[in-house]
Amino acid sequence: MSSAEAKNFEAIVKAKDAHNRSCPFPPHTVRMNPFEIERMGWEEGDTIAGLALEADGAIGTGAFRLICDGMEPPELDIEEEAVIEAPAEPIVVPAGPPREREPTA
């Protein structure tokens, strides 16, 4: 293990321990800049300190981010219900049977 790789691994382990002390959701992923992943000789999808390694170009070089379900809850399979829309025009509903008209003279 190279010195840079060992230092990153140690930093991830310490961050994971700190996260576990302060958050009820354990981390499952560590995100790093793709350049850093390549520099370490790692590959996206590797397991580092028990965490899945994921590339994220939004994270600057020299940094990483731990992800847990408290930060990004997993996607839920939710069934969508049909939406019933109101009619475009009002509906006229008679209040009772029609009245007989009185003859007019």
Protein backbone atom coordinates (compact mmCIF):
# COMPACT_ATOMS: atom_id res chain seq x y z
CA MET A 1 0.00 0.00 0.00
CA SER A 2 1.49 3.35 -1.03
CA SER A 3 1.84 6.15 1.48
CA ALA A 4 -0.95 8.22 -0.14
CA GLU A 5 -3.22 5.18 -0.30
CA ALA A 6 -2.51 4.33 3.36
CA LYS A 7 -3.20 7.90 4.47
CA ASN A 8 -6.49 8.00 2.56
CA PHE A 9 -7.53 4.62 3.96
CA GLU A 10 -6.71 5.81 7.50
CA ALA A 11 -8.65 9.07 6.96
CA ILE A 12 -11.69 7.09 5.71
CA VAL A 13 -11.57 4.75 8.72
CA LYS A 14 -11.39 7.72 11.13
CA ALA A 15 -14.23 9.53 9.34
CA LYS A 16 -16.33 6.35 9.44
CA ASP A 17 -15.75 6.00 13.20
CA ALA A 18 -16.64 9.67 13.78
CA HIS A 19 -19.75 9.32 11.63
CA ASN A 20 -20.87 6.23 13.56
CA ARG A 21 -20.53 8.13 16.86
CA SER A 22 -22.68 11.04 15.68
CA CYS A 23 -25.25 9.50 13.31
CA PRO A 24 -27.68 6.59 13.85
CA PHE A 25 -27.32 5.60 10.17
CA PRO A 26 -24.04 3.86 9.34
CA PRO A 27 -22.31 5.00 6.15
CA HIS A 28 -22.46 2.65 3.16
CA THR A 29 -20.57 4.62 0.49
CA VAL A 30 -17.47 6.77 0.25
CA ARG A 31 -17.46 9.24 -2.65
CA MET A 32 -14.25 10.63 -4.09
CA ASN A 33 -13.16 12.60 -7.11
CA PRO A 34 -12.47 10.19 -10.02
CA PHE A 35 -8.91 11.55 -10.29
CA GLU A 36 -8.25 10.64 -6.63
CA ILE A 37 -9.64 7.15 -7.10
CA GLU A 38 -7.32 6.60 -10.07
CA ARG A 39 -4.35 8.14 -8.19
CA MET A 40 -4.86 5.70 -5.31
CA GLY A 41 -4.93 2.77 -7.72
CA TRP A 42 -8.51 2.01 -6.68
CA GLU A 43 -11.52 1.48 -8.90
CA GLU A 44 -15.11 2.60 -8.56
CA GLY A 45 -17.04 -0.22 -6.90
CA ASP A 46 -14.10 -1.30 -4.70
CA THR A 47 -14.78 -1.75 -1.00
CA ILE A 48 -12.69 0.57 1.14
CA ALA A 49 -12.97 0.14 4.93
CA GLY A 50 -16.27 -1.68 4.38
CA LEU A 51 -17.70 1.12 2.21
CA ALA A 52 -18.52 1.04 -1.49
CA LEU A 53 -16.29 3.41 -3.45
CA GLU A 54 -18.13 5.76 -5.80
CA ALA A 55 -16.73 8.39 -8.16
CA ASP A 56 -18.15 11.92 -7.87
CA GLY A 57 -16.68 14.72 -9.95
CA ALA A 58 -18.39 17.31 -7.75
CA ILE A 59 -16.04 16.44 -4.88
CA GLY A 60 -12.72 18.25 -5.02
CA THR A 61 -9.40 16.46 -5.13
CA GLY A 62 -7.96 15.62 -1.75
CA ALA A 63 -11.44 15.18 -0.24
CA PHE A 64 -14.06 12.47 0.16
CA ARG A 65 -17.60 12.22 1.48
CA LEU A 66 -19.29 9.44 3.42
CA ILE A 67 -22.90 8.70 2.48
CA CYS A 68 -25.53 7.12 4.74
CA ASP A 69 -29.28 6.53 4.50
CA GLY A 70 -29.87 9.56 6.72
CA MET A 71 -28.33 11.81 4.06
CA GLU A 72 -29.73 10.10 0.97
CA PRO A 73 -32.56 7.74 1.82
CA PRO A 74 -32.90 4.77 -0.51
CA GLU A 75 -35.44 4.99 -3.31
CA LEU A 76 -38.81 3.58 -2.35
CA ASP A 77 -41.04 1.72 -4.78
CA ILE A 78 -44.19 3.80 -4.63
CA GLU A 79 -47.16 2.95 -6.75
CA GLU A 80 -48.67 5.96 -8.40
CA GLU A 81 -52.42 6.30 -8.15
CA ALA A 82 -54.59 7.50 -10.98
CA VAL A 83 -55.56 11.14 -10.65
CA ILE A 84 -59.22 11.94 -11.19
CA GLU A 85 -59.60 15.37 -12.67
CA ALA A 86 -62.59 17.67 -12.29
CA PRO A 87 -64.75 18.08 -15.40
CA ALA A 88 -64.09 21.12 -17.56
CA GLU A 89 -67.70 22.33 -17.26
CA PRO A 90 -69.97 22.19 -14.21
CA ILE A 91 -72.31 19.22 -14.07
CA VAL A 92 -76.01 20.07 -13.67
CA VAL A 93 -77.75 17.58 -11.44
CA PRO A 94 -81.58 17.88 -11.10
CA ALA A 95 -82.77 18.21 -7.52
CA GLY A 96 -85.86 16.07 -8.11
CA PRO A 97 -88.32 14.90 -10.74
CA PRO A 98 -89.33 17.49 -13.35
CA ARG A 99 -92.42 19.57 -12.51
CA GLU A 100 -95.48 19.63 -14.71
CA ARG A 101 -96.00 23.00 -16.29
CA GLU A 102 -99.26 24.82 -15.76
CA PRO A 103 -101.04 25.71 -19.00
CA THR A 104 -100.76 29.34 -19.96
CA ALA A 105 -103.61 31.18 -21.57
